C-alpha atoms as a PDB file:
ATOM      1  CA  MET A   1       0.007   0.016   0.039  1.00  0.00           C
ATOM      2  CA  SER A   2       1.389   3.382  -1.004  1.00  0.00           C
ATOM      3  CA  THR A   3       1.337   6.482   1.093  1.00  0.00           C
ATOM      4  CA  ARG A   4      -1.119   7.996  -1.241  1.00  0.00           C
ATOM      5  CA  ASP A   5      -3.625   5.223  -0.749  1.00  0.00           C
ATOM      6  CA  SER A   6      -3.375   5.438   3.067  1.00  0.00           C
ATOM      7  CA  MET A   7      -4.118   9.021   3.235  1.00  0.00           C
ATOM      8  CA  PRO A   8      -7.683   9.768   4.654  1.00  0.00           C
ATOM      9  CA  CYS A   9      -8.282  12.506   2.132  1.00  0.00           C
ATOM     10  CA  PRO A  10      -7.277  12.852  -1.499  1.00  0.00           C
ATOM     11  CA  LEU A  11      -4.167  15.098  -1.904  1.00  0.00           C
ATOM     12  CA  HIS A  12      -6.280  17.945  -3.332  1.00  0.00           C
ATOM     13  CA  CYS A  13      -8.292  18.182  -0.030  1.00  0.00           C
ATOM     14  CA  TYR A  14      -5.066  19.652   1.581  1.00  0.00           C
ATOM     15  CA  VAL A  15      -4.921  22.608  -0.837  1.00  0.00           C
ATOM     16  CA  GLN A  16      -8.676  23.438  -0.767  1.00  0.00           C
ATOM     17  CA  ASP A  17     -10.242  25.325   2.080  1.00  0.00           C
ATOM     18  CA  THR A  18     -12.373  23.124   4.347  1.00  0.00           C
ATOM     19  CA  ASP A  19     -15.240  23.779   6.889  1.00  0.00           C
ATOM     20  CA  ALA A  20     -14.824  23.296  10.682  1.00  0.00           C
ATOM     21  CA  ALA A  21     -15.507  19.542  10.277  1.00  0.00           C
ATOM     22  CA  GLY A  22     -12.711  19.293   7.593  1.00  0.00           C
ATOM     23  CA  ASN A  23     -14.982  18.790   4.618  1.00  0.00           C
ATOM     24  CA  VAL A  24     -14.435  20.827   1.348  1.00  0.00           C
ATOM     25  CA  PRO A  25     -17.779  22.691   0.875  1.00  0.00           C
ATOM     26  CA  GLU A  26     -19.771  22.395  -2.122  1.00  0.00           C
ATOM     27  CA  TYR A  27     -19.084  25.984  -3.157  1.00  0.00           C
ATOM     28  CA  GLN A  28     -15.935  28.129  -2.606  1.00  0.00           C
ATOM     29  CA  GLN A  29     -16.264  30.412   0.406  1.00  0.00           C
ATOM     30  CA  VAL A  30     -14.737  34.019   0.191  1.00  0.00           C
ATOM     31  CA  VAL A  31     -14.555  36.863   2.619  1.00  0.00           C
ATOM     32  CA  LEU A  32     -14.894  40.349   0.988  1.00  0.00           C
ATOM     33  CA  GLU A  33     -14.932  43.876   2.486  1.00  0.00           C
ATOM     34  CA  TYR A  34     -18.065  46.013   2.042  1.00  0.00           C
ATOM     35  CA  ARG A  35     -16.822  49.305   0.368  1.00  0.00           C
ATOM     36  CA  GLY A  36     -19.602  51.412   1.480  1.00  0.00           C
ATOM     37  CA  PRO A  37     -23.072  52.692   0.404  1.00  0.00           C
ATOM     38  CA  GLU A  38     -21.785  54.837  -2.482  1.00  0.00           C
ATOM     39  CA  THR A  39     -20.931  51.828  -4.588  1.00  0.00           C
ATOM     40  CA  ALA A  40     -22.260  48.969  -2.561  1.00  0.00           C
ATOM     41  CA  GLY A  41     -19.246  46.995  -3.766  1.00  0.00           C
ATOM     42  CA  VAL A  42     -17.591  44.069  -2.131  1.00  0.00           C
ATOM     43  CA  ALA A  43     -13.822  43.858  -2.588  1.00  0.00           C
ATOM     44  CA  THR A  44     -10.626  42.006  -1.858  1.00  0.00           C
ATOM     45  CA  ALA A  45      -7.982  43.196   0.517  1.00  0.00           C
ATOM     46  CA  ASP A  46      -5.577  43.816  -2.338  1.00  0.00           C
ATOM     47  CA  ASP A  47      -4.088  47.302  -2.878  1.00  0.00           C
ATOM     48  CA  PRO A  48      -5.949  48.532  -4.812  1.00  0.00           C
ATOM     49  CA  PRO A  49      -8.928  46.454  -3.885  1.00  0.00           C
ATOM     50  CA  ILE A  50     -10.618  44.337  -6.602  1.00  0.00           C
ATOM     51  CA  VAL A  51     -14.338  44.769  -6.583  1.00  0.00           C
ATOM     52  CA  LEU A  52     -15.937  41.217  -7.262  1.00  0.00           C
ATOM     53  CA  GLY A  53     -19.507  42.195  -6.878  1.00  0.00           C
ATOM     54  CA  ARG A  54     -22.271  44.768  -5.713  1.00  0.00           C
ATOM     55  CA  LEU A  55     -24.827  44.413  -3.118  1.00  0.00           C
ATOM     56  CA  PRO A  56     -28.405  45.178  -4.091  1.00  0.00           C
ATOM     57  CA  GLN A  57     -29.674  48.569  -2.784  1.00  0.00           C
ATOM     58  CA  GLU A  58     -32.641  46.964  -1.049  1.00  0.00           C
ATOM     59  CA  PHE A  59     -30.266  44.620   0.806  1.00  0.00           C
ATOM     60  CA  VAL A  60     -28.066  47.635   1.810  1.00  0.00           C
ATOM     61  CA  HIS A  61     -31.171  49.489   3.101  1.00  0.00           C
ATOM     62  CA  GLN A  62     -32.517  46.402   4.895  1.00  0.00           C
ATOM     63  CA  MET A  63     -29.227  45.976   6.795  1.00  0.00           C
ATOM     64  CA  GLY A  64     -29.206  49.661   7.843  1.00  0.00           C
ATOM     65  CA  ASN A  65     -26.533  50.462  10.350  1.00  0.00           C
ATOM     66  CA  LYS A  66     -25.417  46.826  10.581  1.00  0.00           C
ATOM     67  CA  LEU A  67     -23.661  47.291   7.318  1.00  0.00           C
ATOM     68  CA  ARG A  68     -20.855  49.888   7.318  1.00  0.00           C
ATOM     69  CA  ALA A  69     -17.907  50.499   5.128  1.00  0.00           C
ATOM     70  CA  GLY A  70     -15.042  47.886   6.149  1.00  0.00           C
ATOM     71  CA  ARG A  71     -17.483  45.145   7.296  1.00  0.00           C
ATOM     72  CA  LEU A  72     -16.347  41.733   6.320  1.00  0.00           C
ATOM     73  CA  LEU A  73     -18.942  39.505   4.694  1.00  0.00           C
ATOM     74  CA  ARG A  74     -18.827  35.929   3.695  1.00  0.00           C
ATOM     75  CA  PHE A  75     -19.949  34.775   0.206  1.00  0.00           C
ATOM     76  CA  SER A  76     -19.881  31.610  -1.854  1.00  0.00           C
ATOM     77  CA  ILE A  77     -18.779  31.494  -5.549  1.00  0.00           C
ATOM     78  CA  ARG A  78     -21.627  29.817  -7.475  1.00  0.00           C
ATOM     79  CA  GLU A  79     -21.882  27.980 -10.685  1.00  0.00           C
ATOM     80  CA  ASP A  80     -20.850  30.968 -12.971  1.00  0.00           C
ATOM     81  CA  GLY A  81     -17.692  31.118 -11.111  1.00  0.00           C
ATOM     82  CA  MET A  82     -15.195  34.024 -11.687  1.00  0.00           C
ATOM     83  CA  LEU A  83     -15.602  36.657 -14.462  1.00  0.00           C
ATOM     84  CA  PHE A  84     -12.574  38.141 -16.324  1.00  0.00           C
ATOM     85  CA  ASN A  85     -11.974  41.222 -18.469  1.00  0.00           C
ATOM     86  CA  MET A  86     -10.461  40.797 -21.939  1.00  0.00           C
ATOM     87  CA  ASP A  87      -6.892  41.423 -20.438  1.00  0.00           C
ATOM     88  CA  GLY A  88      -7.431  38.419 -18.049  1.00  0.00           C
ATOM     89  CA  SER A  89      -7.827  40.415 -14.973  1.00  0.00           C
ATOM     90  CA  PRO A  90     -10.779  39.583 -12.462  1.00  0.00           C
ATOM     91  CA  ALA A  91     -14.009  41.486 -13.328  1.00  0.00           C
ATOM     92  CA  GLY A  92     -16.303  39.967 -10.731  1.00  0.00           C
ATOM     93  CA  ALA A  93     -17.786  36.763  -9.565  1.00  0.00           C
ATOM     94  CA  ASP A  94     -21.110  34.918  -9.263  1.00  0.00           C
ATOM     95  CA  LEU A  95     -21.533  35.623  -5.568  1.00  0.00           C
ATOM     96  CA  ALA A  96     -24.192  34.523  -3.080  1.00  0.00           C
ATOM     97  CA  TYR A  97     -24.162  36.169   0.343  1.00  0.00           C
ATOM     98  CA  GLU A  98     -23.755  33.593   3.150  1.00  0.00           C
ATOM     99  CA  GLY A  99     -23.685  36.144   6.258  1.00  0.00           C
ATOM    100  CA  PRO A 100     -21.308  38.188   8.227  1.00  0.00           C
ATOM    101  CA  ALA A 101     -17.757  37.018   8.419  1.00  0.00           C
ATOM    102  CA  ASN A 102     -15.741  36.926  11.652  1.00  0.00           C
ATOM    103  CA  GLN A 103     -14.548  40.494  12.013  1.00  0.00           C
ATOM    104  CA  ARG A 104     -11.693  39.585  14.153  1.00  0.00           C
ATOM    105  CA  ARG A 105      -9.831  38.053  10.958  1.00  0.00           C
ATOM    106  CA  GLY A 106      -8.903  41.606  10.261  1.00  0.00           C
ATOM    107  CA  ARG A 107      -9.212  41.677   6.415  1.00  0.00           C
ATOM    108  CA  ALA A 108     -10.903  40.218   3.367  1.00  0.00           C
ATOM    109  CA  ASP A 109      -9.330  37.522   1.316  1.00  0.00           C
ATOM    110  CA  LEU A 110      -6.606  38.498  -1.405  1.00  0.00           C
ATOM    111  CA  ILE A 111      -7.442  37.822  -5.035  1.00  0.00           C
ATOM    112  CA  SER A 112      -4.373  35.297  -5.230  1.00  0.00           C
ATOM    113  CA  LYS A 113      -6.111  33.086  -2.449  1.00  0.00           C
ATOM    114  CA  ILE A 114      -9.512  33.299  -4.224  1.00  0.00           C
ATOM    115  CA  MET A 115      -7.884  32.490  -7.629  1.00  0.00           C
ATOM    116  CA  PHE A 116      -5.750  29.649  -6.230  1.00  0.00           C
ATOM    117  CA  GLN A 117      -8.859  27.975  -4.500  1.00  0.00           C
ATOM    118  CA  TRP A 118     -10.974  28.678  -7.694  1.00  0.00           C
ATOM    119  CA  GLN A 119      -8.370  26.930  -9.851  1.00  0.00           C
ATOM    120  CA  ALA A 120      -7.857  24.105  -7.474  1.00  0.00           C
ATOM    121  CA  ARG A 121     -11.685  23.343  -7.583  1.00  0.00           C
ATOM    122  CA  ARG A 122     -11.904  23.646 -11.277  1.00  0.00           C
ATOM    123  CA  GLN A 123      -8.697  21.869 -12.368  1.00  0.00           C
ATOM    124  CA  PRO A 124      -6.598  20.419  -9.643  1.00  0.00           C
ATOM    125  CA  LEU A 125      -2.894  20.222 -10.158  1.00  0.00           C
ATOM    126  CA  GLN A 126      -1.881  16.473 -10.426  1.00  0.00           C
ATOM    127  CA  LEU A 127       1.473  15.271  -8.741  1.00  0.00           C
ATOM    128  CA  GLU A 128       2.374  13.747 -12.065  1.00  0.00           C
ATOM    129  CA  ALA A 129       2.016  17.115 -13.798  1.00  0.00           C
ATOM    130  CA  LEU A 130       4.444  18.794 -11.320  1.00  0.00           C
ATOM    131  CA  ILE A 131       6.892  15.902 -11.734  1.00  0.00           C
ATOM    132  CA  ALA A 132       6.713  16.276 -15.557  1.00  0.00           C
ATOM    133  CA  ALA A 133       7.266  19.875 -15.440  1.00  0.00           C
ATOM    134  CA  ALA A 134      10.145  19.651 -13.142  1.00  0.00           C
ATOM    135  CA  ALA A 135      11.709  17.049 -15.344  1.00  0.00           C
ATOM    136  CA  ALA A 136      10.998  19.085 -18.446  1.00  0.00           C
ATOM    137  CA  ALA A 137      12.720  22.166 -16.856  1.00  0.00           C
ATOM    138  CA  ALA A 138      15.788  20.133 -15.661  1.00  0.00           C
ATOM    139  CA  ALA A 139      16.356  18.478 -19.095  1.00  0.00           C
ATOM    140  CA  PRO A 140      17.910  21.486 -20.786  1.00  0.00           C
ATOM    141  CA  GLU A 141      20.193  22.000 -17.716  1.00  0.00           C
ATOM    142  CA  CYS A 142      21.363  18.449 -17.810  1.00  0.00           C
ATOM    143  CA  GLU A 143      22.128  18.574 -21.543  1.00  0.00           C
ATOM    144  CA  SER A 144      24.085  21.764 -21.307  1.00  0.00           C
ATOM    145  CA  SER A 145      26.228  20.455 -18.380  1.00  0.00           C
ATOM    146  CA  VAL A 146      26.959  17.200 -20.226  1.00  0.00           C
ATOM    147  CA  ALA A 147      27.798  19.141 -23.376  1.00  0.00           C
ATOM    148  CA  GLY A 148      30.048  21.464 -21.541  1.00  0.00           C
ATOM    149  CA  ARG A 149      32.153  18.392 -20.376  1.00  0.00           C
ATOM    150  CA  VAL A 150      32.623  16.863 -23.709  1.00  0.00           C
ATOM    151  CA  GLN A 151      36.007  17.903 -25.331  1.00  0.00           C
END
């Protein structure tokens, strides 16, 4: 029996976020910061922040003073996933509001974490692909060092 077969969870579970019970949720969870009533945008903690969605005005009014600029909110990314501009930069996401986030965490998620998790869910990187990439990168180095010794 290999180490891989004896692991309680497939390798991809260790790179994907899990819930308190250790399970990978059906939808990717993200924490975004409410930008304020002027735009009703929710954004990442990047500098500059990347706005991934906007809250409906009726929701903003319904929340009243519970919703202020800087408040951290929890969302799930749904079926339509991430949206991109023509240049490949993030333009938004198919977000569903899940509730307030723990404010003690200090800041929203960074776009790098969101994109890493999104990619890991869509197309997990296989160990075999990493080994093949490392071998391909090492092959030219090996050839040049062998060629350098031949006289």
